[in-house]
Amino acid sequence: MKLPHPIVKDTKIVSTFNRSTLVKVLEILDSSHAGEALAAAKLASAMVREAGLSWEQVLAPEIEAPALPAPAARANSIAAGTGPFGYRRDQRELSPHEQFFMVLLSPRTPTEIKRKLRGLEARVLDGEITPQETQDLKFMYQSFVVG
């Protein structure tokens, strides 16, 4: 059994929410590319929503875990599983923008691949990547983020 994270108080359940990942996503809001900043804002919002938190809770000094759902609801959510960075696996497929950022933010993505991805960045943000590049991005997302 995992011990509660020090930032979560008075609970036995640890949220899938990762504050340091959210910080990395929010730093992208300062990008000079409007599409990149918008994708980061949407990703941050999804992370908070999927963790079952409000922005007020996220900005509080300590994050309190949400109330425990009923046993039947909890069994269903456990069966569905949670994905990387708080995304639920049973939700929609991520857009190439979102996959791109998730691959860049993943600690499992090798530095060399992150450098190569930076060369694709403008085209991903403009929606101008080829179908093959879209498939490659999806493969990297599956390999380095989802695992």
Protein backbone atom coordinates (compact mmCIF):
# COMPACT_ATOMS: atom_id res chain seq x y z
CA MET A 1 0.00 0.00 0.00
CA LYS A 2 1.32 3.41 -0.94
CA LEU A 3 1.73 6.03 1.74
CA PRO A 4 -0.03 9.35 1.16
CA HIS A 5 1.97 12.06 -0.55
CA PRO A 6 3.02 14.73 2.00
CA ILE A 7 0.98 17.39 0.22
CA VAL A 8 -2.26 15.38 0.52
CA LYS A 9 -3.60 15.43 4.06
CA ASP A 10 -6.01 13.26 6.04
CA THR A 11 -6.57 10.55 3.45
CA LYS A 12 -5.41 7.11 2.42
CA ILE A 13 -5.95 7.70 -1.30
CA VAL A 14 -3.33 9.53 -3.33
CA SER A 15 -4.59 11.66 -6.19
CA THR A 16 -3.10 11.11 -9.65
CA PHE A 17 -2.63 14.86 -9.79
CA ASN A 18 0.99 15.95 -10.12
CA ARG A 19 1.60 19.59 -9.20
CA SER A 20 5.12 19.71 -10.68
CA THR A 21 3.78 18.52 -14.05
CA LEU A 22 1.09 21.19 -13.90
CA VAL A 23 3.79 23.79 -13.25
CA LYS A 24 5.66 22.66 -16.39
CA VAL A 25 2.46 22.89 -18.42
CA LEU A 26 1.65 26.36 -17.04
CA GLU A 27 5.13 27.63 -17.91
CA ILE A 28 4.23 27.04 -21.57
CA LEU A 29 1.52 29.71 -21.23
CA ASP A 30 4.29 32.29 -21.69
CA SER A 31 5.00 30.98 -25.20
CA SER A 32 5.10 33.44 -28.07
CA HIS A 33 3.03 30.94 -30.10
CA ALA A 34 -0.66 31.46 -29.36
CA GLY A 35 -1.55 27.88 -30.32
CA GLU A 36 1.06 26.48 -27.96
CA ALA A 37 -0.19 28.64 -25.09
CA LEU A 38 -3.80 27.65 -25.80
CA ALA A 39 -2.93 23.94 -25.91
CA ALA A 40 -1.10 24.31 -22.58
CA ALA A 41 -4.10 26.05 -21.01
CA LYS A 42 -6.44 23.30 -22.21
CA LEU A 43 -4.07 20.61 -20.98
CA ALA A 44 -3.78 22.26 -17.54
CA SER A 45 -7.54 22.55 -17.27
CA ALA A 46 -7.99 18.90 -18.24
CA MET A 47 -5.39 17.79 -15.69
CA VAL A 48 -7.23 19.60 -12.89
CA ARG A 49 -10.66 18.40 -14.01
CA GLU A 50 -9.57 14.76 -14.46
CA ALA A 51 -7.99 14.75 -10.98
CA GLY A 52 -11.39 15.74 -9.58
CA LEU A 53 -10.06 19.04 -8.25
CA SER A 54 -11.03 22.68 -8.62
CA TRP A 55 -8.57 25.47 -9.37
CA GLU A 56 -9.23 26.78 -5.85
CA GLN A 57 -8.05 23.44 -4.43
CA VAL A 58 -5.00 23.40 -6.72
CA LEU A 59 -3.94 26.89 -5.65
CA ALA A 60 -4.38 26.12 -1.95
CA PRO A 61 -1.14 25.53 -0.01
CA GLU A 62 -2.11 21.87 0.53
CA ILE A 63 -4.25 19.74 -1.76
CA GLU A 64 -6.96 17.76 -0.02
CA ALA A 65 -8.05 14.58 -1.77
CA PRO A 66 -11.61 14.63 -3.12
CA ALA A 67 -14.28 12.75 -1.18
CA LEU A 68 -14.20 9.01 -1.62
CA PRO A 69 -16.87 7.84 -4.12
CA ALA A 70 -19.30 5.04 -3.30
CA PRO A 71 -17.73 1.54 -3.55
CA ALA A 72 -19.53 0.71 -6.84
CA ALA A 73 -18.44 3.99 -8.46
CA ARG A 74 -14.89 3.50 -7.18
CA ALA A 75 -14.77 -0.03 -8.66
CA ASN A 76 -15.88 1.34 -12.04
CA SER A 77 -13.25 4.09 -11.99
CA ILE A 78 -10.53 1.64 -10.99
CA ALA A 79 -11.59 -0.71 -13.80
CA ALA A 80 -11.38 2.15 -16.31
CA GLY A 81 -7.93 3.09 -15.01
CA THR A 82 -6.21 6.41 -15.10
CA GLY A 83 -3.80 7.50 -17.74
CA PRO A 84 -0.70 9.64 -17.68
CA PHE A 85 -0.77 13.00 -15.88
CA GLY A 86 -4.29 12.35 -14.61
CA TYR A 87 -5.92 11.70 -17.99
CA ARG A 88 -8.53 8.97 -17.93
CA ARG A 89 -7.93 6.25 -20.51
CA ASP A 90 -11.61 5.99 -21.40
CA GLN A 91 -11.77 9.60 -22.60
CA ARG A 92 -11.29 10.96 -26.10
CA GLU A 93 -8.03 10.50 -27.96
CA LEU A 94 -5.61 13.37 -27.47
CA SER A 95 -5.02 15.79 -30.32
CA PRO A 96 -1.57 15.95 -31.93
CA HIS A 97 -0.98 19.22 -30.00
CA GLU A 98 -1.70 17.51 -26.69
CA GLN A 99 0.29 14.39 -27.57
CA PHE A 100 3.21 16.62 -28.59
CA PHE A 101 3.25 18.40 -25.21
CA MET A 102 2.79 15.21 -23.25
CA VAL A 103 5.76 13.63 -25.04
CA LEU A 104 7.87 16.75 -24.42
CA LEU A 105 6.93 16.83 -20.73
CA SER A 106 7.40 13.12 -20.08
CA PRO A 107 10.53 12.33 -18.08
CA ARG A 108 10.74 9.04 -20.03
CA THR A 109 11.23 10.80 -23.38
CA PRO A 110 14.93 10.74 -24.31
CA THR A 111 16.59 14.15 -24.67
CA GLU A 112 17.57 13.42 -28.29
CA ILE A 113 13.93 12.83 -29.23
CA LYS A 114 12.87 16.02 -27.42
CA ARG A 115 15.41 17.96 -29.50
CA LYS A 116 14.07 16.47 -32.73
CA LEU A 117 10.51 17.25 -31.66
CA ARG A 118 11.40 20.92 -31.23
CA GLY A 119 12.02 21.00 -34.99
CA LEU A 120 8.42 19.85 -35.54
CA GLU A 121 6.95 22.27 -33.03
CA ALA A 122 5.87 25.07 -35.38
CA ARG A 123 4.24 22.65 -37.82
CA VAL A 124 2.42 20.79 -35.03
CA LEU A 125 1.08 24.06 -33.63
CA ASP A 126 -0.04 25.19 -37.08
CA GLY A 127 -1.67 21.81 -37.76
CA GLU A 128 0.59 21.20 -40.75
CA ILE A 129 2.10 17.82 -39.88
CA THR A 130 1.83 14.94 -42.32
CA PRO A 131 -0.22 11.80 -41.62
CA GLN A 132 3.05 9.90 -41.12
CA GLU A 133 4.27 12.47 -38.57
CA THR A 134 0.90 12.19 -36.82
CA GLN A 135 1.37 8.42 -36.56
CA ASP A 136 4.96 8.87 -35.34
CA LEU A 137 3.76 11.31 -32.68
CA LYS A 138 1.05 8.87 -31.60
CA PHE A 139 3.66 6.10 -31.35
CA MET A 140 5.96 8.30 -29.23
CA TYR A 141 3.03 9.22 -26.99
CA GLN A 142 2.19 5.54 -26.51
CA SER A 143 5.85 4.63 -25.91
CA PHE A 144 7.04 7.45 -23.65
CA VAL A 145 3.90 8.71 -21.92
CA VAL A 146 1.41 5.87 -21.67
CA GLY A 147 4.09 3.21 -21.46
